[in-house]
Amino acid sequence: MATASKEPPTKDASTKSVPAKDVPAANGVSGSNSNSNSVRVEIFDQVYNLRGSDADYILKLAEYVDAKMRAVSEQTATVDSVRLAVLAALNIADEYHLLKRGVETPSPDVRRRAIKLASALDEVLQDTRRTG
């Protein structure tokens, strides 16, 4: 995953997600993974420097979280960014669990197809054993 450091908000909103130069920390240690990239992102008007092995993926995640927070802010009357972050996290967790449930419990059609394919594979394997 990514690690983060928070910066004060910027006045220029055009820095939505801009890759940043990797700047070592004051003590000379740049993090646990020296091969990781540093990416500057903005999530709900807050700038963060995130480190991870895949800058494009980090940008994509940050854009997703920003979009979720903005969608929640449009639907609620709250302006507290912590509350918005928690509500966005709950929405993301809901999406995750619905997708996870769908993967863990396949539809009846998928089960029927899997049984049919397993039977066909068993037939082929038995024929191969007889002739081989």
N, C-alpha and C. Protein backbone atom coordinates (compact mmCIF):
# COMPACT_ATOMS: atom_id res chain seq x y z
N MET A 1 0.84 -1.18 0.00
CA MET A 1 0.00 0.00 0.00
C MET A 1 0.88 1.23 0.00
N ALA A 2 0.36 2.34 0.37
CA ALA A 2 1.09 3.60 0.33
C ALA A 2 1.21 4.19 1.73
N THR A 3 2.27 4.94 1.92
CA THR A 3 2.41 5.70 3.15
C THR A 3 2.21 7.16 2.81
N ALA A 4 1.84 7.97 3.81
CA ALA A 4 1.47 9.35 3.49
C ALA A 4 2.08 10.34 4.46
N SER A 5 2.29 11.53 3.94
CA SER A 5 2.58 12.67 4.78
C SER A 5 1.69 13.79 4.29
N LYS A 6 1.13 14.55 5.23
CA LYS A 6 0.15 15.56 4.88
C LYS A 6 0.82 16.93 4.81
N GLU A 7 0.43 17.71 3.83
CA GLU A 7 0.91 19.08 3.69
C GLU A 7 -0.27 20.01 3.85
N PRO A 8 -0.01 21.27 4.17
CA PRO A 8 -1.12 22.22 4.25
C PRO A 8 -1.78 22.39 2.89
N PRO A 9 -3.07 22.73 2.86
CA PRO A 9 -3.75 22.89 1.58
C PRO A 9 -3.11 23.99 0.75
N THR A 10 -3.18 23.80 -0.56
CA THR A 10 -2.63 24.80 -1.46
C THR A 10 -3.76 25.65 -1.99
N LYS A 11 -3.42 26.86 -2.43
CA LYS A 11 -4.44 27.74 -2.98
C LYS A 11 -4.75 27.39 -4.43
N ASP A 12 -3.81 26.75 -5.11
CA ASP A 12 -3.98 26.39 -6.51
C ASP A 12 -4.59 24.99 -6.60
N ALA A 13 -5.84 24.91 -7.04
CA ALA A 13 -6.51 23.62 -7.14
C ALA A 13 -6.09 22.82 -8.35
N SER A 14 -5.19 23.35 -9.18
CA SER A 14 -4.77 22.62 -10.37
C SER A 14 -3.77 21.53 -10.07
N THR A 15 -3.30 21.41 -8.85
CA THR A 15 -2.34 20.37 -8.48
C THR A 15 -3.08 19.14 -7.98
N LYS A 16 -4.10 18.71 -8.70
CA LYS A 16 -4.95 17.60 -8.31
C LYS A 16 -4.14 16.35 -8.01
N SER A 17 -3.31 15.92 -8.94
CA SER A 17 -2.48 14.75 -8.73
C SER A 17 -1.25 14.87 -9.61
N VAL A 18 -0.20 15.37 -8.99
CA VAL A 18 1.03 15.66 -9.71
C VAL A 18 2.16 14.85 -9.10
N PRO A 19 2.88 14.03 -9.89
CA PRO A 19 4.01 13.30 -9.33
C PRO A 19 5.03 14.29 -8.78
N ALA A 20 5.57 13.97 -7.62
CA ALA A 20 6.54 14.84 -6.97
C ALA A 20 7.90 14.16 -6.94
N LYS A 21 8.92 14.96 -6.80
CA LYS A 21 10.27 14.42 -6.64
C LYS A 21 10.36 13.73 -5.30
N ASP A 22 11.14 12.67 -5.23
CA ASP A 22 11.34 11.96 -3.98
C ASP A 22 12.30 12.74 -3.12
N VAL A 23 11.82 13.28 -2.01
CA VAL A 23 12.63 14.11 -1.13
C VAL A 23 12.90 13.33 0.14
N PRO A 24 14.19 13.10 0.50
CA PRO A 24 14.47 12.35 1.72
C PRO A 24 14.03 13.12 2.96
N ALA A 25 13.72 12.38 4.00
CA ALA A 25 13.31 12.99 5.26
C ALA A 25 14.51 13.69 5.89
N ALA A 26 14.26 14.51 6.91
CA ALA A 26 15.32 15.30 7.54
C ALA A 26 16.42 14.43 8.12
N ASN A 27 16.09 13.22 8.58
CA ASN A 27 17.09 12.37 9.18
C ASN A 27 17.85 11.54 8.14
N GLY A 28 17.58 11.77 6.86
CA GLY A 28 18.28 11.07 5.79
C GLY A 28 17.64 9.76 5.38
N VAL A 29 16.61 9.31 6.10
CA VAL A 29 15.94 8.08 5.76
C VAL A 29 14.70 8.42 4.95
N SER A 30 14.58 7.81 3.78
CA SER A 30 13.46 8.17 2.91
C SER A 30 12.29 7.22 3.03
N GLY A 31 12.31 6.34 3.98
CA GLY A 31 11.21 5.40 4.15
C GLY A 31 11.73 3.99 4.17
N SER A 32 10.84 3.02 4.44
CA SER A 32 11.26 1.64 4.55
C SER A 32 11.60 1.03 3.21
N ASN A 33 11.09 1.58 2.12
CA ASN A 33 11.35 1.04 0.79
C ASN A 33 11.98 2.14 -0.05
N SER A 34 13.28 2.08 -0.23
CA SER A 34 13.97 3.15 -0.94
C SER A 34 13.64 3.16 -2.43
N ASN A 35 13.04 2.09 -2.94
CA ASN A 35 12.65 2.03 -4.35
C ASN A 35 11.27 2.62 -4.60
N SER A 36 10.59 3.06 -3.55
CA SER A 36 9.23 3.55 -3.72
C SER A 36 9.24 4.97 -4.27
N ASN A 37 8.21 5.29 -5.02
CA ASN A 37 8.06 6.61 -5.61
C ASN A 37 7.24 7.49 -4.69
N SER A 38 7.51 8.78 -4.74
CA SER A 38 6.72 9.74 -3.98
C SER A 38 5.79 10.44 -4.96
N VAL A 39 4.52 10.49 -4.60
CA VAL A 39 3.51 11.09 -5.47
C VAL A 39 2.75 12.13 -4.66
N ARG A 40 2.61 13.31 -5.23
CA ARG A 40 1.86 14.38 -4.59
C ARG A 40 0.43 14.32 -5.11
N VAL A 41 -0.52 14.17 -4.20
CA VAL A 41 -1.93 14.09 -4.58
C VAL A 41 -2.74 15.07 -3.74
N GLU A 42 -3.93 15.38 -4.22
CA GLU A 42 -4.84 16.23 -3.48
C GLU A 42 -6.15 15.48 -3.32
N ILE A 43 -6.54 15.30 -2.06
CA ILE A 43 -7.79 14.62 -1.74
C ILE A 43 -8.63 15.58 -0.92
N PHE A 44 -9.74 15.97 -1.46
CA PHE A 44 -10.69 16.89 -0.82
C PHE A 44 -9.97 18.14 -0.31
N ASP A 45 -9.23 18.75 -1.21
CA ASP A 45 -8.52 20.01 -0.99
C ASP A 45 -7.39 19.92 0.04
N GLN A 46 -6.92 18.72 0.31
CA GLN A 46 -5.77 18.52 1.19
C GLN A 46 -4.68 17.83 0.36
N VAL A 47 -3.45 18.31 0.47
CA VAL A 47 -2.34 17.76 -0.29
C VAL A 47 -1.61 16.73 0.55
N TYR A 48 -1.31 15.59 -0.07
CA TYR A 48 -0.58 14.51 0.59
C TYR A 48 0.56 14.06 -0.31
N ASN A 49 1.69 13.73 0.29
CA ASN A 49 2.78 13.06 -0.42
C ASN A 49 2.69 11.59 -0.05
N LEU A 50 2.40 10.77 -1.03
CA LEU A 50 2.23 9.34 -0.81
C LEU A 50 3.39 8.59 -1.43
N ARG A 51 3.82 7.54 -0.78
CA ARG A 51 4.91 6.71 -1.30
C ARG A 51 4.39 5.30 -1.53
N GLY A 52 4.78 4.74 -2.64
CA GLY A 52 4.42 3.37 -2.96
C GLY A 52 5.17 2.94 -4.21
N SER A 53 5.01 1.70 -4.58
CA SER A 53 5.77 1.16 -5.71
C SER A 53 5.15 1.49 -7.06
N ASP A 54 3.88 1.91 -7.10
CA ASP A 54 3.20 2.17 -8.37
C ASP A 54 2.50 3.53 -8.31
N ALA A 55 3.17 4.55 -8.86
CA ALA A 55 2.65 5.92 -8.79
C ALA A 55 1.29 6.05 -9.47
N ASP A 56 1.11 5.42 -10.62
CA ASP A 56 -0.17 5.52 -11.33
C ASP A 56 -1.31 4.94 -10.50
N TYR A 57 -1.03 3.83 -9.82
CA TYR A 57 -2.05 3.21 -8.97
C TYR A 57 -2.40 4.12 -7.80
N ILE A 58 -1.39 4.73 -7.19
CA ILE A 58 -1.62 5.65 -6.08
C ILE A 58 -2.47 6.83 -6.54
N LEU A 59 -2.17 7.38 -7.72
CA LEU A 59 -2.96 8.49 -8.26
C LEU A 59 -4.41 8.07 -8.47
N LYS A 60 -4.58 6.86 -9.00
CA LYS A 60 -5.93 6.35 -9.26
C LYS A 60 -6.71 6.19 -7.95
N LEU A 61 -6.06 5.66 -6.92
CA LEU A 61 -6.72 5.51 -5.62
C LEU A 61 -7.09 6.88 -5.03
N ALA A 62 -6.17 7.82 -5.11
CA ALA A 62 -6.42 9.15 -4.57
C ALA A 62 -7.59 9.82 -5.29
N GLU A 63 -7.64 9.69 -6.60
CA GLU A 63 -8.75 10.27 -7.37
C GLU A 63 -10.07 9.62 -6.97
N TYR A 64 -10.05 8.32 -6.73
CA TYR A 64 -11.26 7.60 -6.34
C TYR A 64 -11.76 8.08 -4.97
N VAL A 65 -10.84 8.19 -4.00
CA VAL A 65 -11.21 8.64 -2.67
C VAL A 65 -11.72 10.09 -2.72
N ASP A 66 -11.04 10.93 -3.50
CA ASP A 66 -11.48 12.32 -3.65
C ASP A 66 -12.90 12.37 -4.22
N ALA A 67 -13.16 11.57 -5.24
CA ALA A 67 -14.50 11.55 -5.85
C ALA A 67 -15.55 11.08 -4.86
N LYS A 68 -15.22 10.07 -4.06
CA LYS A 68 -16.16 9.58 -3.06
C LYS A 68 -16.46 10.65 -2.02
N MET A 69 -15.42 11.33 -1.55
CA MET A 69 -15.64 12.38 -0.55
C MET A 69 -16.47 13.52 -1.12
N ARG A 70 -16.23 13.88 -2.36
CA ARG A 70 -17.01 14.96 -2.97
C ARG A 70 -18.47 14.54 -3.17
N ALA A 71 -18.68 13.28 -3.54
CA ALA A 71 -20.06 12.80 -3.71
C ALA A 71 -20.79 12.81 -2.37
N VAL A 72 -20.12 12.40 -1.31
CA VAL A 72 -20.74 12.41 0.02
C VAL A 72 -21.03 13.84 0.45
N SER A 73 -20.10 14.76 0.17
CA SER A 73 -20.31 16.15 0.59
C SER A 73 -21.50 16.79 -0.14
N GLU A 74 -21.77 16.35 -1.36
CA GLU A 74 -22.93 16.87 -2.10
C GLU A 74 -24.24 16.33 -1.55
N GLN A 75 -24.19 15.15 -0.93
CA GLN A 75 -25.40 14.50 -0.44
C GLN A 75 -25.71 14.79 1.02
N THR A 76 -24.75 15.37 1.74
CA THR A 76 -24.96 15.63 3.16
C THR A 76 -24.75 17.11 3.45
N ALA A 77 -25.20 17.51 4.61
CA ALA A 77 -25.07 18.92 5.00
C ALA A 77 -23.78 19.18 5.77
N THR A 78 -23.03 18.13 6.09
CA THR A 78 -21.84 18.31 6.92
C THR A 78 -20.68 18.90 6.12
N VAL A 79 -19.89 19.75 6.77
CA VAL A 79 -18.70 20.32 6.15
C VAL A 79 -17.44 19.83 6.85
N ASP A 80 -17.62 19.01 7.89
CA ASP A 80 -16.48 18.45 8.63
C ASP A 80 -15.80 17.40 7.77
N SER A 81 -14.54 17.66 7.40
CA SER A 81 -13.84 16.75 6.49
C SER A 81 -13.60 15.38 7.12
N VAL A 82 -13.47 15.31 8.44
CA VAL A 82 -13.28 14.01 9.09
C VAL A 82 -14.55 13.18 8.96
N ARG A 83 -15.70 13.81 9.20
CA ARG A 83 -16.97 13.09 9.04
C ARG A 83 -17.18 12.66 7.59
N LEU A 84 -16.84 13.53 6.66
CA LEU A 84 -16.96 13.17 5.24
C LEU A 84 -16.05 12.00 4.90
N ALA A 85 -14.84 12.01 5.45
CA ALA A 85 -13.90 10.91 5.19
C ALA A 85 -14.44 9.60 5.73
N VAL A 86 -15.04 9.64 6.92
CA VAL A 86 -15.61 8.41 7.50
C VAL A 86 -16.78 7.92 6.67
N LEU A 87 -17.66 8.83 6.25
CA LEU A 87 -18.79 8.43 5.40
C LEU A 87 -18.32 7.88 4.06
N ALA A 88 -17.31 8.50 3.47
CA ALA A 88 -16.75 7.99 2.21
C ALA A 88 -16.13 6.62 2.44
N ALA A 89 -15.43 6.44 3.55
CA ALA A 89 -14.83 5.14 3.86
C ALA A 89 -15.91 4.07 4.02
N LEU A 90 -17.03 4.43 4.64
CA LEU A 90 -18.13 3.47 4.77
C LEU A 90 -18.71 3.10 3.42
N ASN A 91 -18.85 4.08 2.52
CA ASN A 91 -19.33 3.79 1.17
C ASN A 91 -18.37 2.88 0.43
N ILE A 92 -17.08 3.14 0.55
CA ILE A 92 -16.07 2.31 -0.11
C ILE A 92 -16.07 0.90 0.49
N ALA A 93 -16.21 0.80 1.82
CA ALA A 93 -16.27 -0.51 2.47
C ALA A 93 -17.50 -1.29 2.01
N ASP A 94 -18.62 -0.60 1.84
CA ASP A 94 -19.84 -1.23 1.35
C ASP A 94 -19.62 -1.79 -0.06
N GLU A 95 -19.03 -0.98 -0.94
CA GLU A 95 -18.72 -1.45 -2.30
C GLU A 95 -17.82 -2.68 -2.26
N TYR A 96 -16.79 -2.61 -1.42
CA TYR A 96 -15.84 -3.72 -1.31
C TYR A 96 -16.54 -5.00 -0.88
N HIS A 97 -17.37 -4.91 0.17
CA HIS A 97 -18.02 -6.11 0.67
C HIS A 97 -19.06 -6.67 -0.29
N LEU A 98 -19.75 -5.80 -1.03
CA LEU A 98 -20.68 -6.29 -2.05
C LEU A 98 -19.93 -7.03 -3.15
N LEU A 99 -18.81 -6.48 -3.59
CA LEU A 99 -18.00 -7.16 -4.61
C LEU A 99 -17.42 -8.46 -4.08
N LYS A 100 -16.94 -8.44 -2.85
CA LYS A 100 -16.36 -9.63 -2.23
C LYS A 100 -17.41 -10.73 -2.12
N ARG A 101 -18.62 -10.36 -1.69
CA ARG A 101 -19.71 -11.33 -1.57
C ARG A 101 -20.02 -11.94 -2.94
N GLY A 102 -20.01 -11.10 -3.99
CA GLY A 102 -20.28 -11.59 -5.33
C GLY A 102 -19.24 -12.57 -5.81
N VAL A 103 -18.00 -12.37 -5.43
CA VAL A 103 -16.93 -13.28 -5.82
C VAL A 103 -17.00 -14.58 -5.02
N GLU A 104 -17.31 -14.46 -3.73
CA GLU A 104 -17.34 -15.64 -2.86
C GLU A 104 -18.56 -16.52 -3.09
N THR A 105 -19.67 -15.94 -3.49
CA THR A 105 -20.88 -16.72 -3.74
C THR A 105 -21.31 -16.51 -5.18
N PRO A 106 -20.82 -17.36 -6.08
CA PRO A 106 -21.18 -17.19 -7.49
C PRO A 106 -22.67 -17.44 -7.74
N SER A 107 -23.14 -16.90 -8.83
CA SER A 107 -24.55 -17.05 -9.19
C SER A 107 -24.85 -18.51 -9.55
N PRO A 108 -26.13 -18.90 -9.49
CA PRO A 108 -26.50 -20.28 -9.85
C PRO A 108 -26.05 -20.65 -11.27
N ASP A 109 -26.10 -19.69 -12.20
CA ASP A 109 -25.65 -19.96 -13.56
C ASP A 109 -24.16 -20.30 -13.60
N VAL A 110 -23.38 -19.57 -12.84
CA VAL A 110 -21.94 -19.83 -12.80
C VAL A 110 -21.68 -21.20 -12.18
N ARG A 111 -22.42 -21.54 -11.14
CA ARG A 111 -22.26 -22.86 -10.52
C ARG A 111 -22.60 -23.98 -11.51
N ARG A 112 -23.70 -23.82 -12.25
CA ARG A 112 -24.09 -24.84 -13.24
C ARG A 112 -23.01 -25.02 -14.30
N ARG A 113 -22.48 -23.89 -14.78
CA ARG A 113 -21.43 -23.96 -15.80
C ARG A 113 -20.17 -24.62 -15.25
N ALA A 114 -19.82 -24.32 -14.00
CA ALA A 114 -18.64 -24.92 -13.39
C ALA A 114 -18.81 -26.43 -13.25
N ILE A 115 -19.99 -26.86 -12.84
CA ILE A 115 -20.26 -28.30 -12.71
C ILE A 115 -20.19 -28.98 -14.07
N LYS A 116 -20.77 -28.34 -15.09
CA LYS A 116 -20.75 -28.89 -16.45
C LYS A 116 -19.32 -29.00 -16.97
N LEU A 117 -18.52 -27.97 -16.77
CA LEU A 117 -17.13 -27.99 -17.22
C LEU A 117 -16.31 -29.02 -16.44
N ALA A 118 -16.56 -29.15 -15.15
CA ALA A 118 -15.85 -30.15 -14.35
C ALA A 118 -16.19 -31.56 -14.83
N SER A 119 -17.46 -31.80 -15.16
CA SER A 119 -17.86 -33.11 -15.69
C SER A 119 -17.19 -33.39 -17.02
N ALA A 120 -17.16 -32.40 -17.90
CA ALA A 120 -16.50 -32.57 -19.20
C ALA A 120 -15.02 -32.85 -19.01
N LEU A 121 -14.39 -32.17 -18.09
CA LEU A 121 -12.97 -32.39 -17.82
C LEU A 121 -12.74 -33.79 -17.27
N ASP A 122 -13.62 -34.24 -16.37
CA ASP A 122 -13.51 -35.61 -15.83
C ASP A 122 -13.61 -36.64 -16.94
N GLU A 123 -14.53 -36.44 -17.89
CA GLU A 123 -14.69 -37.38 -19.02
C GLU A 123 -13.42 -37.44 -19.86
N VAL A 124 -12.85 -36.28 -20.16
CA VAL A 124 -11.63 -36.22 -20.96
C VAL A 124 -10.48 -36.92 -20.23
N LEU A 125 -10.35 -36.69 -18.97
CA LEU A 125 -9.28 -37.30 -18.19
C LEU A 125 -9.45 -38.82 -18.12
N GLN A 126 -10.70 -39.30 -17.96
CA GLN A 126 -10.94 -40.75 -17.92
C GLN A 126 -10.63 -41.38 -19.27
N ASP A 127 -11.02 -40.72 -20.37
CA ASP A 127 -10.71 -41.24 -21.71
C ASP A 127 -9.21 -41.28 -21.93
N THR A 128 -8.50 -40.28 -21.46
CA THR A 128 -7.04 -40.23 -21.62
C THR A 128 -6.39 -41.37 -20.84
N ARG A 129 -6.89 -41.69 -19.66
CA ARG A 129 -6.34 -42.77 -18.85
C ARG A 129 -6.59 -44.12 -19.52
N ARG A 130 -7.75 -44.27 -20.15
CA ARG A 130 -8.08 -45.54 -20.81
C ARG A 130 -7.21 -45.76 -22.05
N THR A 131 -7.00 -44.69 -22.81
CA THR A 131 -6.25 -44.83 -24.07
C THR A 131 -4.75 -44.65 -23.87
N GLY A 132 -4.36 -44.01 -22.78
CA GLY A 132 -2.96 -43.68 -22.58
C GLY A 132 -2.26 -44.67 -21.78
